[in-house]
Amino acid sequence: MANPNKAKGTGWESAVRDYLNEALGLVDEFGKFLDVFSSLNVRRPAQEGAADVGDVHAVPFILECKNVKSSGGPNLPTASER
């Protein structure tokens, strides 16, 4: 990946996805889905540019992940404010 910040963001999104799948008991000890067709599996969909709908999909939630040094709290811009 050419952009180091994009690589950091992708890594963080993947880490969040993996953590949630493990915490929710959706994967085995090797990190493989117990049921690959389950709609409950936490996924990190491909980016779609302007039509992007969040970084991590965890039904019924859609998460926007930010890899930052410190929490900005409520001051972080939302996708609609960018």
PDB file of N, CA and C in Angstrom:
ATOM      1  N   MET A   1       0.859  -1.169   0.000  1.00  0.00           N
ATOM      2  CA  MET A   1       0.000   0.000   0.000  1.00  0.00           C
ATOM      3  C   MET A   1       0.906   1.234   0.000  1.00  0.00           C
ATOM      4  N   ALA A   2       0.688   2.152  -0.907  1.00  0.00           N
ATOM      5  CA  ALA A   2       1.569   3.299  -1.081  1.00  0.00           C
ATOM      6  C   ALA A   2       1.439   4.342   0.029  1.00  0.00           C
ATOM      7  N   ASN A   3       0.254   4.555   0.555  1.00  0.00           N
ATOM      8  CA  ASN A   3       0.026   5.582   1.562  1.00  0.00           C
ATOM      9  C   ASN A   3       0.137   4.975   2.965  1.00  0.00           C
ATOM     10  N   PRO A   4       1.150   5.390   3.769  1.00  0.00           N
ATOM     11  CA  PRO A   4       1.334   4.799   5.098  1.00  0.00           C
ATOM     12  C   PRO A   4       0.158   5.060   6.039  1.00  0.00           C
ATOM     13  N   ASN A   5      -0.491   6.215   5.933  1.00  0.00           N
ATOM     14  CA  ASN A   5      -1.640   6.493   6.793  1.00  0.00           C
ATOM     15  C   ASN A   5      -2.825   5.583   6.435  1.00  0.00           C
ATOM     16  N   LYS A   6      -2.994   5.314   5.153  1.00  0.00           N
ATOM     17  CA  LYS A   6      -4.058   4.402   4.732  1.00  0.00           C
ATOM     18  C   LYS A   6      -3.778   2.994   5.258  1.00  0.00           C
ATOM     19  N   ALA A   7      -2.520   2.589   5.229  1.00  0.00           N
ATOM     20  CA  ALA A   7      -2.142   1.269   5.743  1.00  0.00           C
ATOM     21  C   ALA A   7      -2.413   1.174   7.240  1.00  0.00           C
ATOM     22  N   LYS A   8      -2.117   2.245   7.994  1.00  0.00           N
ATOM     23  CA  LYS A   8      -2.387   2.259   9.436  1.00  0.00           C
ATOM     24  C   LYS A   8      -3.885   2.161   9.693  1.00  0.00           C
ATOM     25  N   GLY A   9      -4.678   2.896   8.923  1.00  0.00           N
ATOM     26  CA  GLY A   9      -6.128   2.868   9.081  1.00  0.00           C
ATOM     27  C   GLY A   9      -6.706   1.499   8.752  1.00  0.00           C
ATOM     28  N   THR A  10      -6.229   0.900   7.676  1.00  0.00           N
ATOM     29  CA  THR A  10      -6.686  -0.427   7.283  1.00  0.00           C
ATOM     30  C   THR A  10      -6.333  -1.451   8.352  1.00  0.00           C
ATOM     31  N   GLY A  11      -5.128  -1.338   8.901  1.00  0.00           N
ATOM     32  CA  GLY A  11      -4.702  -2.246   9.970  1.00  0.00           C
ATOM     33  C   GLY A  11      -5.585  -2.126  11.204  1.00  0.00           C
ATOM     34  N   TRP A  12      -5.938  -0.886  11.565  1.00  0.00           N
ATOM     35  CA  TRP A  12      -6.792  -0.660  12.730  1.00  0.00           C
ATOM     36  C   TRP A  12      -8.197  -1.219  12.489  1.00  0.00           C
ATOM     37  N   GLU A  13      -8.757  -0.972  11.309  1.00  0.00           N
ATOM     38  CA  GLU A  13     -10.084  -1.497  10.977  1.00  0.00           C
ATOM     39  C   GLU A  13     -10.088  -3.023  11.059  1.00  0.00           C
ATOM     40  N   SER A  14      -9.051  -3.647  10.541  1.00  0.00           N
ATOM     41  CA  SER A  14      -8.958  -5.105  10.582  1.00  0.00           C
ATOM     42  C   SER A  14      -8.824  -5.608  12.018  1.00  0.00           C
ATOM     43  N   ALA A  15      -8.065  -4.892  12.845  1.00  0.00           N
ATOM     44  CA  ALA A  15      -7.905  -5.278  14.247  1.00  0.00           C
ATOM     45  C   ALA A  15      -9.227  -5.183  14.997  1.00  0.00           C
ATOM     46  N   VAL A  16     -10.003  -4.129  14.730  1.00  0.00           N
ATOM     47  CA  VAL A  16     -11.323  -3.972  15.357  1.00  0.00           C
ATOM     48  C   VAL A  16     -12.235  -5.118  14.916  1.00  0.00           C
ATOM     49  N   ARG A  17     -12.252  -5.414  13.632  1.00  0.00           N
ATOM     50  CA  ARG A  17     -13.072  -6.515  13.102  1.00  0.00           C
ATOM     51  C   ARG A  17     -12.693  -7.840  13.759  1.00  0.00           C
ATOM     52  N   ASP A  18     -11.393  -8.128  13.815  1.00  0.00           N
ATOM     53  CA  ASP A  18     -10.931  -9.394  14.385  1.00  0.00           C
ATOM     54  C   ASP A  18     -11.271  -9.491  15.870  1.00  0.00           C
ATOM     55  N   TYR A  19     -11.091  -8.390  16.604  1.00  0.00           N
ATOM     56  CA  TYR A  19     -11.406  -8.384  18.035  1.00  0.00           C
ATOM     57  C   TYR A  19     -12.893  -8.666  18.265  1.00  0.00           C
ATOM     58  N   LEU A  20     -13.754  -7.977  17.512  1.00  0.00           N
ATOM     59  CA  LEU A  20     -15.193  -8.163  17.700  1.00  0.00           C
ATOM     60  C   LEU A  20     -15.635  -9.586  17.345  1.00  0.00           C
ATOM     61  N   ASN A  21     -15.101 -10.139  16.268  1.00  0.00           N
ATOM     62  CA  ASN A  21     -15.453 -11.513  15.895  1.00  0.00           C
ATOM     63  C   ASN A  21     -15.042 -12.493  16.987  1.00  0.00           C
ATOM     64  N   GLU A  22     -13.861 -12.281  17.561  1.00  0.00           N
ATOM     65  CA  GLU A  22     -13.395 -13.165  18.628  1.00  0.00           C
ATOM     66  C   GLU A  22     -14.220 -12.968  19.903  1.00  0.00           C
ATOM     67  N   ALA A  23     -14.451 -11.711  20.294  1.00  0.00           N
ATOM     68  CA  ALA A  23     -15.198 -11.414  21.517  1.00  0.00           C
ATOM     69  C   ALA A  23     -16.636 -11.926  21.436  1.00  0.00           C
ATOM     70  N   LEU A  24     -17.213 -11.931  20.250  1.00  0.00           N
ATOM     71  CA  LEU A  24     -18.588 -12.391  20.069  1.00  0.00           C
ATOM     72  C   LEU A  24     -18.678 -13.905  19.828  1.00  0.00           C
ATOM     73  N   GLY A  25     -17.525 -14.576  19.785  1.00  0.00           N
ATOM     74  CA  GLY A  25     -17.514 -16.026  19.604  1.00  0.00           C
ATOM     75  C   GLY A  25     -17.902 -16.478  18.214  1.00  0.00           C
ATOM     76  N   LEU A  26     -17.576 -15.653  17.210  1.00  0.00           N
ATOM     77  CA  LEU A  26     -17.959 -15.964  15.832  1.00  0.00           C
ATOM     78  C   LEU A  26     -16.865 -16.680  15.047  1.00  0.00           C
ATOM     79  N   VAL A  27     -15.670 -16.830  15.670  1.00  0.00           N
ATOM     80  CA  VAL A  27     -14.548 -17.477  14.996  1.00  0.00           C
ATOM     81  C   VAL A  27     -13.984 -18.588  15.887  1.00  0.00           C
ATOM     82  N   ASP A  28     -13.261 -19.523  15.280  1.00  0.00           N
ATOM     83  CA  ASP A  28     -12.617 -20.586  16.045  1.00  0.00           C
ATOM     84  C   ASP A  28     -11.255 -20.099  16.549  1.00  0.00           C
ATOM     85  N   GLU A  29     -10.469 -21.004  17.143  1.00  0.00           N
ATOM     86  CA  GLU A  29      -9.171 -20.615  17.713  1.00  0.00           C
ATOM     87  C   GLU A  29      -8.154 -20.188  16.662  1.00  0.00           C
ATOM     88  N   PHE A  30      -8.447 -20.439  15.388  1.00  0.00           N
ATOM     89  CA  PHE A  30      -7.551 -20.039  14.304  1.00  0.00           C
ATOM     90  C   PHE A  30      -8.019 -18.766  13.612  1.00  0.00           C
ATOM     91  N   GLY A  31      -9.125 -18.179  14.080  1.00  0.00           N
ATOM     92  CA  GLY A  31      -9.640 -16.953  13.492  1.00  0.00           C
ATOM     93  C   GLY A  31     -10.539 -17.172  12.283  1.00  0.00           C
ATOM     94  N   LYS A  32     -10.945 -18.392  12.047  1.00  0.00           N
ATOM     95  CA  LYS A  32     -11.829 -18.714  10.913  1.00  0.00           C
ATOM     96  C   LYS A  32     -13.284 -18.665  11.380  1.00  0.00           C
ATOM     97  N   PHE A  33     -14.162 -18.125  10.532  1.00  0.00           N
ATOM     98  CA  PHE A  33     -15.581 -18.047  10.869  1.00  0.00           C
ATOM     99  C   PHE A  33     -16.146 -19.437  11.165  1.00  0.00           C
ATOM    100  N   LEU A  34     -16.962 -19.534  12.210  1.00  0.00           N
ATOM    101  CA  LEU A  34     -17.655 -20.785  12.504  1.00  0.00           C
ATOM    102  C   LEU A  34     -18.724 -21.050  11.458  1.00  0.00           C
ATOM    103  N   ASP A  35     -19.392 -19.991  11.002  1.00  0.00           N
ATOM    104  CA  ASP A  35     -20.398 -20.085   9.943  1.00  0.00           C
ATOM    105  C   ASP A  35     -20.141 -18.941   8.969  1.00  0.00           C
ATOM    106  N   VAL A  36     -19.500 -19.241   7.849  1.00  0.00           N
ATOM    107  CA  VAL A  36     -19.101 -18.191   6.910  1.00  0.00           C
ATOM    108  C   VAL A  36     -20.285 -17.445   6.299  1.00  0.00           C
ATOM    109  N   PHE A  37     -21.478 -18.037   6.358  1.00  0.00           N
ATOM    110  CA  PHE A  37     -22.648 -17.407   5.755  1.00  0.00           C
ATOM    111  C   PHE A  37     -23.507 -16.640   6.759  1.00  0.00           C
ATOM    112  N   SER A  38     -23.102 -16.610   8.027  1.00  0.00           N
ATOM    113  CA  SER A  38     -23.890 -15.931   9.053  1.00  0.00           C
ATOM    114  C   SER A  38     -23.892 -14.427   8.834  1.00  0.00           C
ATOM    115  N   SER A  39     -25.061 -13.821   8.929  1.00  0.00           N
ATOM    116  CA  SER A  39     -25.157 -12.363   8.790  1.00  0.00           C
ATOM    117  C   SER A  39     -24.639 -11.659  10.040  1.00  0.00           C
ATOM    118  N   LEU A  40     -24.374 -12.398  11.115  1.00  0.00           N
ATOM    119  CA  LEU A  40     -23.860 -11.802  12.345  1.00  0.00           C
ATOM    120  C   LEU A  40     -22.351 -11.600  12.324  1.00  0.00           C
ATOM    121  N   ASN A  41     -21.643 -12.211  11.369  1.00  0.00           N
ATOM    122  CA  ASN A  41     -20.196 -12.046  11.280  1.00  0.00           C
ATOM    123  C   ASN A  41     -19.851 -10.575  11.081  1.00  0.00           C
ATOM    124  N   VAL A  42     -18.865 -10.097  11.837  1.00  0.00           N
ATOM    125  CA  VAL A  42     -18.404  -8.717  11.696  1.00  0.00           C
ATOM    126  C   VAL A  42     -17.521  -8.658  10.463  1.00  0.00           C
ATOM    127  N   ARG A  43     -17.800  -7.717   9.569  1.00  0.00           N
ATOM    128  CA  ARG A  43     -17.090  -7.627   8.279  1.00  0.00           C
ATOM    129  C   ARG A  43     -16.475  -6.245   8.082  1.00  0.00           C
ATOM    130  N   ARG A  44     -15.451  -6.211   7.275  1.00  0.00           N
ATOM    131  CA  ARG A  44     -14.830  -4.962   6.846  1.00  0.00           C
ATOM    132  C   ARG A  44     -14.975  -4.905   5.335  1.00  0.00           C
ATOM    133  N   PRO A  45     -16.040  -4.236   4.852  1.00  0.00           N
ATOM    134  CA  PRO A  45     -16.303  -4.218   3.410  1.00  0.00           C
ATOM    135  C   PRO A  45     -15.281  -3.374   2.647  1.00  0.00           C
ATOM    136  N   ALA A  46     -15.218  -3.617   1.362  1.00  0.00           N
ATOM    137  CA  ALA A  46     -14.337  -2.819   0.505  1.00  0.00           C
ATOM    138  C   ALA A  46     -14.817  -1.371   0.481  1.00  0.00           C
ATOM    139  N   GLN A  47     -13.869  -0.444   0.392  1.00  0.00           N
ATOM    140  CA  GLN A  47     -14.231   0.971   0.330  1.00  0.00           C
ATOM    141  C   GLN A  47     -14.902   1.264  -1.009  1.00  0.00           C
ATOM    142  N   GLU A  48     -15.867   2.177  -0.956  1.00  0.00           N
ATOM    143  CA  GLU A  48     -16.619   2.509  -2.164  1.00  0.00           C
ATOM    144  C   GLU A  48     -16.591   3.996  -2.468  1.00  0.00           C
ATOM    145  N   GLY A  49     -15.560   4.696  -2.026  1.00  0.00           N
ATOM    146  CA  GLY A  49     -15.440   6.122  -2.304  1.00  0.00           C
ATOM    147  C   GLY A  49     -16.549   6.935  -1.671  1.00  0.00           C
ATOM    148  N   ALA A  50     -17.238   7.745  -2.478  1.00  0.00           N
ATOM    149  CA  ALA A  50     -18.305   8.612  -1.966  1.00  0.00           C
ATOM    150  C   ALA A  50     -19.489   7.804  -1.440  1.00  0.00           C
ATOM    151  N   ALA A  51     -19.652   6.569  -1.914  1.00  0.00           N
ATOM    152  CA  ALA A  51     -20.763   5.724  -1.478  1.00  0.00           C
ATOM    153  C   ALA A  51     -20.387   4.863  -0.273  1.00  0.00           C
ATOM    154  N   ASP A  52     -19.198   5.103   0.315  1.00  0.00           N
ATOM    155  CA  ASP A  52     -18.723   4.321   1.457  1.00  0.00           C
ATOM    156  C   ASP A  52     -19.688   4.456   2.636  1.00  0.00           C
ATOM    157  N   VAL A  53     -20.013   3.331   3.274  1.00  0.00           N
ATOM    158  CA  VAL A  53     -20.995   3.338   4.359  1.00  0.00           C
ATOM    159  C   VAL A  53     -20.374   2.829   5.667  1.00  0.00           C
ATOM    160  N   GLY A  54     -19.166   3.247   6.000  1.00  0.00           N
ATOM    161  CA  GLY A  54     -18.558   2.834   7.252  1.00  0.00           C
ATOM    162  C   GLY A  54     -17.452   1.820   7.045  1.00  0.00           C
ATOM    163  N   ASP A  55     -16.632   1.672   8.083  1.00  0.00           N
ATOM    164  CA  ASP A  55     -15.445   0.834   7.986  1.00  0.00           C
ATOM    165  C   ASP A  55     -15.677  -0.606   8.407  1.00  0.00           C
ATOM    166  N   VAL A  56     -16.484  -0.806   9.448  1.00  0.00           N
ATOM    167  CA  VAL A  56     -16.729  -2.141   9.979  1.00  0.00           C
ATOM    168  C   VAL A  56     -18.237  -2.323  10.155  1.00  0.00           C
ATOM    169  N   HIS A  57     -18.765  -3.412   9.624  1.00  0.00           N
ATOM    170  CA  HIS A  57     -20.197  -3.690   9.742  1.00  0.00           C
ATOM    171  C   HIS A  57     -20.393  -4.809  10.760  1.00  0.00           C
ATOM    172  N   ALA A  58     -21.049  -4.463  11.862  1.00  0.00           N
ATOM    173  CA  ALA A  58     -21.365  -5.413  12.936  1.00  0.00           C
ATOM    174  C   ALA A  58     -22.861  -5.289  13.195  1.00  0.00           C
ATOM    175  N   VAL A  59     -23.645  -6.116  12.532  1.00  0.00           N
ATOM    176  CA  VAL A  59     -25.112  -6.018  12.576  1.00  0.00           C
ATOM    177  C   VAL A  59     -25.579  -5.929  14.023  1.00  0.00           C
ATOM    178  N   PRO A  60     -26.384  -4.929  14.384  1.00  0.00           N
ATOM    179  CA  PRO A  60     -27.047  -3.912  13.585  1.00  0.00           C
ATOM    180  C   PRO A  60     -26.270  -2.589  13.522  1.00  0.00           C
ATOM    181  N   PHE A  61     -24.974  -2.609  13.802  1.00  0.00           N
ATOM    182  CA  PHE A  61     -24.190  -1.380  13.856  1.00  0.00           C
ATOM    183  C   PHE A  61     -23.254  -1.262  12.666  1.00  0.00           C
ATOM    184  N   ILE A  62     -22.945  -0.005  12.296  1.00  0.00           N
ATOM    185  CA  ILE A  62     -21.907   0.298  11.311  1.00  0.00           C
ATOM    186  C   ILE A  62     -20.930   1.223  12.012  1.00  0.00           C
ATOM    187  N   LEU A  63     -19.659   0.809  12.065  1.00  0.00           N
ATOM    188  CA  LEU A  63     -18.649   1.549  12.809  1.00  0.00           C
ATOM    189  C   LEU A  63     -17.728   2.320  11.877  1.00  0.00           C
ATOM    190  N   GLU A  64     -17.356   3.508  12.297  1.00  0.00           N
ATOM    191  CA  GLU A  64     -16.350   4.318  11.602  1.00  0.00           C
ATOM    192  C   GLU A  64     -15.127   4.298  12.500  1.00  0.00           C
ATOM    193  N   CYS A  65     -14.045   3.668  12.058  1.00  0.00           N
ATOM    194  CA  CYS A  65     -12.838   3.501  12.880  1.00  0.00           C
ATOM    195  C   CYS A  65     -11.809   4.578  12.552  1.00  0.00           C
ATOM    196  N   LYS A  66     -11.181   5.116  13.587  1.00  0.00           N
ATOM    197  CA  LYS A  66     -10.132   6.114  13.413  1.00  0.00           C
ATOM    198  C   LYS A  66      -8.907   5.694  14.204  1.00  0.00           C
ATOM    199  N   ASN A  67      -7.758   5.630  13.565  1.00  0.00           N
ATOM    200  CA  ASN A  67      -6.505   5.297  14.237  1.00  0.00           C
ATOM    201  C   ASN A  67      -5.797   6.612  14.564  1.00  0.00           C
ATOM    202  N   VAL A  68      -5.960   7.086  15.800  1.00  0.00           N
ATOM    203  CA  VAL A  68      -5.391   8.364  16.220  1.00  0.00           C
ATOM    204  C   VAL A  68      -4.532   8.167  17.459  1.00  0.00           C
ATOM    205  N   LYS A  69      -3.622   9.124  17.728  1.00  0.00           N
ATOM    206  CA  LYS A  69      -2.753   9.030  18.898  1.00  0.00           C
ATOM    207  C   LYS A  69      -3.535   9.175  20.188  1.00  0.00           C
ATOM    208  N   SER A  70      -4.475  10.113  20.218  1.00  0.00           N
ATOM    209  CA  SER A  70      -5.289  10.305  21.418  1.00  0.00           C
ATOM    210  C   SER A  70      -6.722  10.588  21.000  1.00  0.00           C
ATOM    211  N   SER A  71      -7.629  10.274  21.898  1.00  0.00           N
ATOM    212  CA  SER A  71      -9.046  10.445  21.589  1.00  0.00           C
ATOM    213  C   SER A  71      -9.397  11.916  21.442  1.00  0.00           C
ATOM    214  N   GLY A  72     -10.100  12.223  20.385  1.00  0.00           N
ATOM    215  CA  GLY A  72     -10.562  13.591  20.171  1.00  0.00           C
ATOM    216  C   GLY A  72     -11.948  13.804  20.746  1.00  0.00           C
ATOM    217  N   GLY A  73     -12.496  12.742  21.303  1.00  0.00           N
ATOM    218  CA  GLY A  73     -13.830  12.857  21.878  1.00  0.00           C
ATOM    219  C   GLY A  73     -14.855  13.274  20.845  1.00  0.00           C
ATOM    220  N   PRO A  74     -15.783  14.111  21.222  1.00  0.00           N
ATOM    221  CA  PRO A  74     -16.853  14.482  20.299  1.00  0.00           C
ATOM    222  C   PRO A  74     -16.408  15.444  19.210  1.00  0.00           C
ATOM    223  N   ASN A  75     -15.147  15.864  19.202  1.00  0.00           N
ATOM    224  CA  ASN A  75     -14.675  16.818  18.204  1.00  0.00           C
ATOM    225  C   ASN A  75     -14.290  16.183  16.881  1.00  0.00           C
ATOM    226  N   LEU A  76     -14.212  14.831  16.817  1.00  0.00           N
ATOM    227  CA  LEU A  76     -13.885  14.187  15.559  1.00  0.00           C
ATOM    228  C   LEU A  76     -15.013  14.397  14.555  1.00  0.00           C
ATOM    229  N   PRO A  77     -14.697  14.762  13.314  1.00  0.00           N
ATOM    230  CA  PRO A  77     -15.758  14.987  12.327  1.00  0.00           C
ATOM    231  C   PRO A  77     -16.414  13.670  11.919  1.00  0.00           C
ATOM    232  N   THR A  78     -17.682  13.718  11.659  1.00  0.00           N
ATOM    233  CA  THR A  78     -18.375  12.537  11.151  1.00  0.00           C
ATOM    234  C   THR A  78     -18.220  12.485   9.632  1.00  0.00           C
ATOM    235  N   ALA A  79     -18.597  11.380   9.047  1.00  0.00           N
ATOM    236  CA  ALA A  79     -18.451  11.216   7.595  1.00  0.00           C
ATOM    237  C   ALA A  79     -19.267  12.279   6.849  1.00  0.00           C
ATOM    238  N   SER A  80     -20.411  12.673   7.388  1.00  0.00           N
ATOM    239  CA  SER A  80     -21.250  13.662   6.695  1.00  0.00           C
ATOM    240  C   SER A  80     -20.681  15.075   6.800  1.00  0.00           C
ATOM    241  N   GLU A  81     -19.792  15.323   7.772  1.00  0.00           N
ATOM    242  CA  GLU A  81     -19.203  16.654   7.930  1.00  0.00           C
ATOM    243  C   GLU A  81     -17.953  16.866   7.093  1.00  0.00           C
ATOM    244  N   ARG A  82     -17.411  15.784   6.500  1.00  0.00           N
ATOM    245  CA  ARG A  82     -16.179  15.916   5.720  1.00  0.00           C
ATOM    246  C   ARG A  82     -16.458  16.461   4.366  1.00  0.00           C
TER     247      ARG A  82
END
